[in-house]
């Protein structure tokens, strides 16, 4: 098992694609996918790679900017994403700085979702995600 890695420059398009698929296939507009952010700043890249291969599904998408990692988990609600987050914490034997949100509950567009993610990580994790400035829409 392993998620599929996408270039950070395509992050907004990846979210837009997942929104389009969710809108097409999920008529009840439940939590169609969850976006999980994790801060891996104190972890070696090889260990991160090994972890992601072990934990993520082949349907999951990975985008990173340095050690800031974002996981798009399709057909996964916040409860399911929290299980993935706990598996990551367990793998690294530490509680990672993280935040998760779901479409459509936490935003209707890629810009709204990324803006909410940026604001939430700043508030709850005390970390500025300036890498999202070019994608996020100020809410």
N, C-alpha and C. Protein backbone atom coordinates (compact mmCIF):
# COMPACT_ATOMS: atom_id res chain seq x y z
N UNK A 1 0.83 -1.18 0.00
CA UNK A 1 0.00 0.00 0.00
C UNK A 1 0.88 1.24 0.00
N UNK A 2 0.40 2.28 -0.63
CA UNK A 2 1.09 3.56 -0.61
C UNK A 2 0.24 4.58 -1.33
N UNK A 3 0.25 5.79 -0.84
CA UNK A 3 -0.46 6.85 -1.51
C UNK A 3 0.28 7.29 -2.75
N UNK A 4 -0.41 8.05 -3.58
CA UNK A 4 0.18 8.59 -4.80
C UNK A 4 0.63 10.01 -4.52
N UNK A 5 1.89 10.31 -4.83
CA UNK A 5 2.49 11.61 -4.54
C UNK A 5 2.27 12.56 -5.72
N UNK A 6 1.78 13.77 -5.43
CA UNK A 6 1.58 14.80 -6.43
C UNK A 6 2.47 15.99 -6.13
N UNK A 7 2.86 16.70 -7.16
CA UNK A 7 3.66 17.90 -7.02
C UNK A 7 2.85 18.99 -6.31
N UNK A 8 3.50 19.72 -5.42
CA UNK A 8 2.81 20.76 -4.66
C UNK A 8 2.14 21.80 -5.56
N UNK A 9 2.74 22.07 -6.71
CA UNK A 9 2.17 23.06 -7.63
C UNK A 9 0.80 22.64 -8.14
N UNK A 10 0.48 21.36 -8.06
CA UNK A 10 -0.81 20.84 -8.53
C UNK A 10 -1.82 20.61 -7.40
N UNK A 11 -1.51 21.11 -6.21
CA UNK A 11 -2.35 20.85 -5.03
C UNK A 11 -3.78 21.35 -5.24
N UNK A 12 -3.94 22.58 -5.68
CA UNK A 12 -5.28 23.15 -5.86
C UNK A 12 -6.05 22.34 -6.90
N UNK A 13 -5.40 21.95 -7.99
CA UNK A 13 -6.07 21.17 -9.02
C UNK A 13 -6.46 19.79 -8.50
N UNK A 14 -5.61 19.20 -7.65
CA UNK A 14 -5.92 17.90 -7.05
C UNK A 14 -7.18 18.00 -6.19
N UNK A 15 -7.28 19.05 -5.40
CA UNK A 15 -8.49 19.24 -4.59
C UNK A 15 -9.71 19.46 -5.47
N UNK A 16 -9.55 20.27 -6.52
CA UNK A 16 -10.66 20.52 -7.44
C UNK A 16 -11.13 19.22 -8.10
N UNK A 17 -10.18 18.36 -8.47
CA UNK A 17 -10.53 17.07 -9.05
C UNK A 17 -11.32 16.23 -8.06
N UNK A 18 -10.88 16.17 -6.81
CA UNK A 18 -11.59 15.39 -5.80
C UNK A 18 -12.97 15.96 -5.51
N UNK A 19 -13.10 17.27 -5.55
CA UNK A 19 -14.40 17.91 -5.38
C UNK A 19 -15.32 17.51 -6.54
N UNK A 20 -14.80 17.56 -7.76
CA UNK A 20 -15.60 17.18 -8.93
C UNK A 20 -16.06 15.73 -8.87
N UNK A 21 -15.17 14.84 -8.48
CA UNK A 21 -15.53 13.42 -8.35
C UNK A 21 -16.58 13.23 -7.26
N UNK A 22 -16.39 13.91 -6.14
CA UNK A 22 -17.35 13.80 -5.04
C UNK A 22 -18.72 14.32 -5.45
N UNK A 23 -18.75 15.43 -6.15
CA UNK A 23 -20.02 15.99 -6.59
C UNK A 23 -20.73 15.06 -7.57
N UNK A 24 -19.96 14.39 -8.39
CA UNK A 24 -20.53 13.49 -9.39
C UNK A 24 -21.05 12.20 -8.77
N UNK A 25 -20.34 11.68 -7.76
CA UNK A 25 -20.66 10.36 -7.24
C UNK A 25 -21.35 10.33 -5.89
N UNK A 26 -21.33 11.42 -5.15
CA UNK A 26 -21.86 11.41 -3.78
C UNK A 26 -23.07 12.33 -3.68
N UNK A 27 -24.23 11.79 -4.02
CA UNK A 27 -25.45 12.58 -4.06
C UNK A 27 -25.89 13.10 -2.69
N UNK A 28 -25.59 12.39 -1.63
CA UNK A 28 -26.05 12.83 -0.31
C UNK A 28 -25.13 13.86 0.33
N UNK A 29 -24.02 14.20 -0.35
CA UNK A 29 -23.09 15.22 0.09
C UNK A 29 -22.59 14.97 1.52
N UNK A 30 -22.30 13.72 1.79
CA UNK A 30 -21.68 13.37 3.07
C UNK A 30 -20.23 13.83 3.02
N UNK A 31 -19.48 13.54 4.06
CA UNK A 31 -18.06 13.88 4.04
C UNK A 31 -17.39 13.04 2.96
N UNK A 32 -17.23 13.62 1.78
CA UNK A 32 -16.77 12.89 0.61
C UNK A 32 -15.29 12.59 0.65
N UNK A 33 -14.51 13.52 1.18
CA UNK A 33 -13.09 13.26 1.39
C UNK A 33 -12.61 14.14 2.52
N UNK A 34 -11.52 13.74 3.12
CA UNK A 34 -10.94 14.51 4.21
C UNK A 34 -9.51 14.87 3.84
N UNK A 35 -9.15 16.09 4.16
CA UNK A 35 -7.79 16.59 3.97
C UNK A 35 -7.11 16.60 5.33
N UNK A 36 -6.01 15.86 5.43
CA UNK A 36 -5.25 15.75 6.67
C UNK A 36 -3.90 16.43 6.48
N UNK A 37 -3.59 17.37 7.37
CA UNK A 37 -2.28 18.03 7.38
C UNK A 37 -1.45 17.43 8.51
N UNK A 38 -0.17 17.18 8.24
CA UNK A 38 0.77 16.74 9.28
C UNK A 38 2.10 17.47 9.12
N UNK A 39 2.66 17.86 10.24
CA UNK A 39 3.97 18.50 10.28
C UNK A 39 5.01 17.43 10.60
N UNK A 40 5.86 17.11 9.62
CA UNK A 40 6.90 16.10 9.79
C UNK A 40 8.27 16.76 9.94
N UNK A 41 8.32 17.97 10.48
CA UNK A 41 9.56 18.75 10.49
C UNK A 41 10.72 18.10 11.25
N UNK A 42 10.44 17.24 12.17
CA UNK A 42 11.53 16.64 12.95
C UNK A 42 11.79 15.18 12.56
N UNK A 43 11.33 14.78 11.36
CA UNK A 43 11.43 13.38 10.97
C UNK A 43 12.23 13.24 9.68
N UNK A 44 13.09 12.26 9.62
CA UNK A 44 13.93 11.99 8.46
C UNK A 44 13.07 11.59 7.26
N UNK A 45 13.46 12.06 6.07
CA UNK A 45 12.69 11.80 4.85
C UNK A 45 12.51 10.32 4.55
N UNK A 46 13.52 9.52 4.78
CA UNK A 46 13.40 8.08 4.49
C UNK A 46 12.39 7.42 5.42
N UNK A 47 12.38 7.84 6.66
CA UNK A 47 11.41 7.29 7.61
C UNK A 47 9.99 7.71 7.22
N UNK A 48 9.83 8.96 6.75
CA UNK A 48 8.52 9.42 6.28
C UNK A 48 8.06 8.54 5.12
N UNK A 49 8.94 8.33 4.17
CA UNK A 49 8.60 7.52 2.99
C UNK A 49 8.18 6.11 3.39
N UNK A 50 8.93 5.49 4.28
CA UNK A 50 8.59 4.14 4.75
C UNK A 50 7.22 4.12 5.43
N UNK A 51 6.97 5.12 6.25
CA UNK A 51 5.70 5.21 6.97
C UNK A 51 4.53 5.31 6.00
N UNK A 52 4.64 6.21 5.02
CA UNK A 52 3.54 6.44 4.10
C UNK A 52 3.26 5.21 3.25
N UNK A 53 4.31 4.48 2.88
CA UNK A 53 4.12 3.24 2.13
C UNK A 53 3.35 2.20 2.95
N UNK A 54 3.58 2.21 4.23
CA UNK A 54 2.95 1.22 5.10
C UNK A 54 1.51 1.58 5.45
N UNK A 55 1.21 2.86 5.62
CA UNK A 55 -0.07 3.28 6.18
C UNK A 55 -1.10 3.69 5.14
N UNK A 56 -0.71 4.40 4.10
CA UNK A 56 -1.69 4.95 3.17
C UNK A 56 -2.18 3.93 2.15
N UNK A 57 -3.40 4.17 1.65
CA UNK A 57 -3.99 3.34 0.60
C UNK A 57 -3.54 3.87 -0.76
N UNK A 58 -3.64 3.06 -1.78
CA UNK A 58 -3.25 3.50 -3.13
C UNK A 58 -4.20 4.56 -3.66
N UNK A 59 -5.37 4.70 -3.07
CA UNK A 59 -6.32 5.74 -3.49
C UNK A 59 -6.07 7.08 -2.80
N UNK A 60 -5.18 7.11 -1.82
CA UNK A 60 -4.88 8.35 -1.11
C UNK A 60 -3.85 9.17 -1.88
N UNK A 61 -3.97 10.49 -1.78
CA UNK A 61 -3.04 11.39 -2.46
C UNK A 61 -2.18 12.11 -1.44
N UNK A 62 -0.93 12.35 -1.81
CA UNK A 62 0.03 13.02 -0.95
C UNK A 62 0.56 14.25 -1.68
N UNK A 63 0.60 15.37 -0.97
CA UNK A 63 1.24 16.58 -1.47
C UNK A 63 2.07 17.12 -0.32
N UNK A 64 3.30 17.52 -0.62
CA UNK A 64 4.08 18.11 0.45
C UNK A 64 4.83 19.35 -0.04
N UNK A 65 5.07 20.22 0.91
CA UNK A 65 5.92 21.39 0.71
C UNK A 65 6.94 21.31 1.83
N UNK A 66 8.13 20.83 1.51
CA UNK A 66 9.12 20.57 2.56
C UNK A 66 8.59 19.49 3.47
N UNK A 67 8.55 19.77 4.75
CA UNK A 67 8.08 18.78 5.73
C UNK A 67 6.61 18.98 6.11
N UNK A 68 5.91 19.88 5.41
CA UNK A 68 4.47 20.04 5.59
C UNK A 68 3.78 19.11 4.60
N UNK A 69 3.08 18.12 5.13
CA UNK A 69 2.43 17.10 4.30
C UNK A 69 0.92 17.23 4.37
N UNK A 70 0.29 17.06 3.22
CA UNK A 70 -1.16 17.11 3.09
C UNK A 70 -1.61 15.81 2.43
N UNK A 71 -2.61 15.17 3.02
CA UNK A 71 -3.12 13.91 2.52
C UNK A 71 -4.59 14.08 2.15
N UNK A 72 -4.93 13.76 0.92
CA UNK A 72 -6.32 13.76 0.47
C UNK A 72 -6.79 12.31 0.58
N UNK A 73 -7.75 12.09 1.46
CA UNK A 73 -8.24 10.74 1.76
C UNK A 73 -9.66 10.60 1.24
N UNK A 74 -9.83 10.06 0.02
CA UNK A 74 -11.18 9.96 -0.56
C UNK A 74 -12.06 8.97 0.19
N UNK A 75 -13.36 9.27 0.20
CA UNK A 75 -14.35 8.44 0.88
C UNK A 75 -13.95 8.14 2.31
N UNK A 76 -13.41 9.16 2.95
CA UNK A 76 -12.98 9.05 4.34
C UNK A 76 -13.52 10.24 5.10
N UNK A 77 -14.28 9.97 6.17
CA UNK A 77 -14.79 11.07 6.99
C UNK A 77 -13.73 11.44 8.04
N UNK A 78 -14.06 12.42 8.88
CA UNK A 78 -13.09 12.88 9.88
C UNK A 78 -12.72 11.77 10.86
N UNK A 79 -13.66 10.91 11.17
CA UNK A 79 -13.37 9.80 12.07
C UNK A 79 -12.32 8.87 11.45
N UNK A 80 -12.50 8.53 10.20
CA UNK A 80 -11.55 7.67 9.50
C UNK A 80 -10.19 8.33 9.36
N UNK A 81 -10.18 9.63 9.05
CA UNK A 81 -8.92 10.35 8.92
C UNK A 81 -8.20 10.43 10.27
N UNK A 82 -8.97 10.53 11.34
CA UNK A 82 -8.35 10.56 12.67
C UNK A 82 -7.68 9.22 12.98
N UNK A 83 -8.22 8.13 12.48
CA UNK A 83 -7.58 6.82 12.65
C UNK A 83 -6.24 6.81 11.92
N UNK A 84 -6.21 7.36 10.69
CA UNK A 84 -4.96 7.45 9.93
C UNK A 84 -3.95 8.30 10.71
N UNK A 85 -4.41 9.42 11.26
CA UNK A 85 -3.53 10.31 12.02
C UNK A 85 -2.95 9.58 13.24
N UNK A 86 -3.77 8.81 13.92
CA UNK A 86 -3.29 8.05 15.09
C UNK A 86 -2.28 6.98 14.67
N UNK A 87 -2.48 6.39 13.49
CA UNK A 87 -1.51 5.41 12.99
C UNK A 87 -0.17 6.09 12.71
N UNK A 88 -0.20 7.31 12.19
CA UNK A 88 1.03 8.07 11.96
C UNK A 88 1.72 8.39 13.28
N UNK A 89 0.94 8.85 14.26
CA UNK A 89 1.50 9.14 15.59
C UNK A 89 2.17 7.90 16.18
N UNK A 90 1.49 6.78 16.04
CA UNK A 90 2.01 5.53 16.59
C UNK A 90 3.30 5.10 15.87
N UNK A 91 3.32 5.24 14.55
CA UNK A 91 4.49 4.87 13.78
C UNK A 91 5.71 5.67 14.22
N UNK A 92 5.53 6.98 14.42
CA UNK A 92 6.63 7.85 14.81
C UNK A 92 6.83 7.94 16.32
N UNK A 93 5.94 7.32 17.07
CA UNK A 93 6.00 7.33 18.53
C UNK A 93 6.01 8.75 19.08
N UNK A 94 5.18 9.60 18.49
CA UNK A 94 5.02 10.97 18.97
C UNK A 94 3.72 11.53 18.42
N UNK A 95 3.19 12.53 19.10
CA UNK A 95 1.98 13.20 18.62
C UNK A 95 2.40 14.29 17.65
N UNK A 96 2.01 14.13 16.40
CA UNK A 96 2.36 15.10 15.36
C UNK A 96 1.42 16.30 15.40
N UNK A 97 1.95 17.46 15.06
CA UNK A 97 1.07 18.60 14.83
C UNK A 97 0.27 18.29 13.59
N UNK A 98 -1.05 18.40 13.70
CA UNK A 98 -1.89 18.03 12.57
C UNK A 98 -3.24 18.74 12.64
N UNK A 99 -3.94 18.69 11.52
CA UNK A 99 -5.30 19.21 11.47
C UNK A 99 -6.01 18.51 10.33
N UNK A 100 -7.30 18.30 10.47
CA UNK A 100 -8.05 17.70 9.39
C UNK A 100 -9.37 18.42 9.18
N UNK A 101 -9.81 18.40 7.92
CA UNK A 101 -11.11 18.97 7.56
C UNK A 101 -11.68 18.18 6.40
N UNK A 102 -12.99 18.31 6.21
CA UNK A 102 -13.67 17.49 5.21
C UNK A 102 -14.44 18.34 4.21
N UNK A 103 -14.57 17.79 3.01
CA UNK A 103 -15.41 18.37 1.98
C UNK A 103 -16.74 17.62 2.00
N UNK A 104 -17.86 18.30 1.96
CA UNK A 104 -18.08 19.73 1.79
C UNK A 104 -18.30 20.49 3.09
N UNK A 105 -18.22 19.79 4.22
CA UNK A 105 -18.55 20.43 5.51
C UNK A 105 -17.68 21.65 5.82
N UNK A 106 -16.42 21.62 5.42
CA UNK A 106 -15.50 22.69 5.80
C UNK A 106 -15.11 23.61 4.64
N UNK A 107 -15.78 23.46 3.52
CA UNK A 107 -15.50 24.33 2.37
C UNK A 107 -16.07 23.74 1.11
N UNK A 108 -16.54 24.62 0.21
CA UNK A 108 -17.18 24.19 -1.03
C UNK A 108 -16.23 24.23 -2.23
N UNK A 109 -15.13 24.95 -2.11
CA UNK A 109 -14.17 25.07 -3.21
C UNK A 109 -12.77 24.77 -2.69
N UNK A 110 -11.85 24.54 -3.62
CA UNK A 110 -10.46 24.30 -3.23
C UNK A 110 -9.91 25.50 -2.47
N UNK A 111 -10.25 26.71 -2.93
CA UNK A 111 -9.76 27.93 -2.28
C UNK A 111 -10.26 28.03 -0.84
N UNK A 112 -11.54 27.74 -0.64
CA UNK A 112 -12.11 27.80 0.72
C UNK A 112 -11.47 26.76 1.63
N UNK A 113 -11.30 25.56 1.12
CA UNK A 113 -10.71 24.49 1.91
C UNK A 113 -9.28 24.84 2.31
N UNK A 114 -8.50 25.32 1.36
CA UNK A 114 -7.10 25.67 1.66
C UNK A 114 -7.00 26.88 2.57
N UNK A 115 -7.90 27.84 2.41
CA UNK A 115 -7.92 28.99 3.32
C UNK A 115 -8.27 28.58 4.74
N UNK A 116 -9.25 27.70 4.87
CA UNK A 116 -9.64 27.20 6.18
C UNK A 116 -8.51 26.38 6.81
N UNK A 117 -7.84 25.57 5.98
CA UNK A 117 -6.70 24.79 6.48
C UNK A 117 -5.61 25.73 6.98
N UNK A 118 -5.29 26.74 6.21
CA UNK A 118 -4.24 27.68 6.58
C UNK A 118 -4.58 28.39 7.89
N UNK A 119 -5.80 28.88 8.02
CA UNK A 119 -6.21 29.57 9.25
C UNK A 119 -6.23 28.63 10.45
N UNK A 120 -6.71 27.42 10.24
CA UNK A 120 -6.84 26.47 11.35
C UNK A 120 -5.48 26.00 11.86
N UNK A 121 -4.56 25.70 10.94
CA UNK A 121 -3.22 25.27 11.36
C UNK A 121 -2.51 26.40 12.09
N UNK A 122 -2.71 27.61 11.61
CA UNK A 122 -2.12 28.77 12.29
C UNK A 122 -2.65 28.88 13.72
N UNK A 123 -3.95 28.72 13.89
CA UNK A 123 -4.57 28.89 15.20
C UNK A 123 -4.30 27.71 16.13
N UNK A 124 -4.55 26.49 15.64
CA UNK A 124 -4.47 25.31 16.51
C UNK A 124 -3.06 24.74 16.65
N UNK A 125 -2.27 24.82 15.61
CA UNK A 125 -0.92 24.24 15.64
C UNK A 125 0.17 25.29 15.84
N UNK A 126 -0.23 26.55 15.81
CA UNK A 126 0.73 27.66 15.95
C UNK A 126 1.82 27.57 14.89
N UNK A 127 1.41 27.26 13.67
CA UNK A 127 2.35 27.15 12.56
C UNK A 127 1.74 27.86 11.35
N UNK A 128 2.53 28.71 10.74
CA UNK A 128 2.07 29.44 9.56
C UNK A 128 2.36 28.62 8.31
N UNK A 129 1.36 28.41 7.50
CA UNK A 129 1.52 27.68 6.24
C UNK A 129 1.51 28.67 5.08
N UNK A 130 2.57 29.46 5.00
CA UNK A 130 2.65 30.46 3.93
C UNK A 130 2.72 29.83 2.55
N UNK A 131 3.07 28.55 2.50
CA UNK A 131 3.10 27.84 1.22
C UNK A 131 1.72 27.80 0.57
N UNK A 132 0.65 27.96 1.36
CA UNK A 132 -0.70 27.94 0.81
C UNK A 132 -1.19 29.31 0.36
N UNK A 133 -0.40 30.35 0.60
CA UNK A 133 -0.84 31.71 0.26
C UNK A 133 -1.32 31.82 -1.18
N UNK A 134 -0.64 31.19 -2.10
CA UNK A 134 -0.98 31.35 -3.52
C UNK A 134 -2.26 30.61 -3.90
N UNK A 135 -2.72 29.67 -3.08
CA UNK A 135 -3.92 28.91 -3.39
C UNK A 135 -5.15 29.37 -2.63
N UNK A 136 -4.96 29.83 -1.41
CA UNK A 136 -6.06 30.06 -0.50
C UNK A 136 -6.82 31.34 -0.82
N UNK A 137 -8.08 31.28 -0.56
CA UNK A 137 -8.97 32.43 -0.70
C UNK A 137 -9.23 32.94 0.71
N UNK A 138 -9.02 34.21 0.94
CA UNK A 138 -9.26 34.77 2.26
C UNK A 138 -10.76 34.73 2.54
N UNK A 139 -11.11 34.13 3.68
CA UNK A 139 -12.52 33.96 4.04
C UNK A 139 -12.94 35.05 5.00
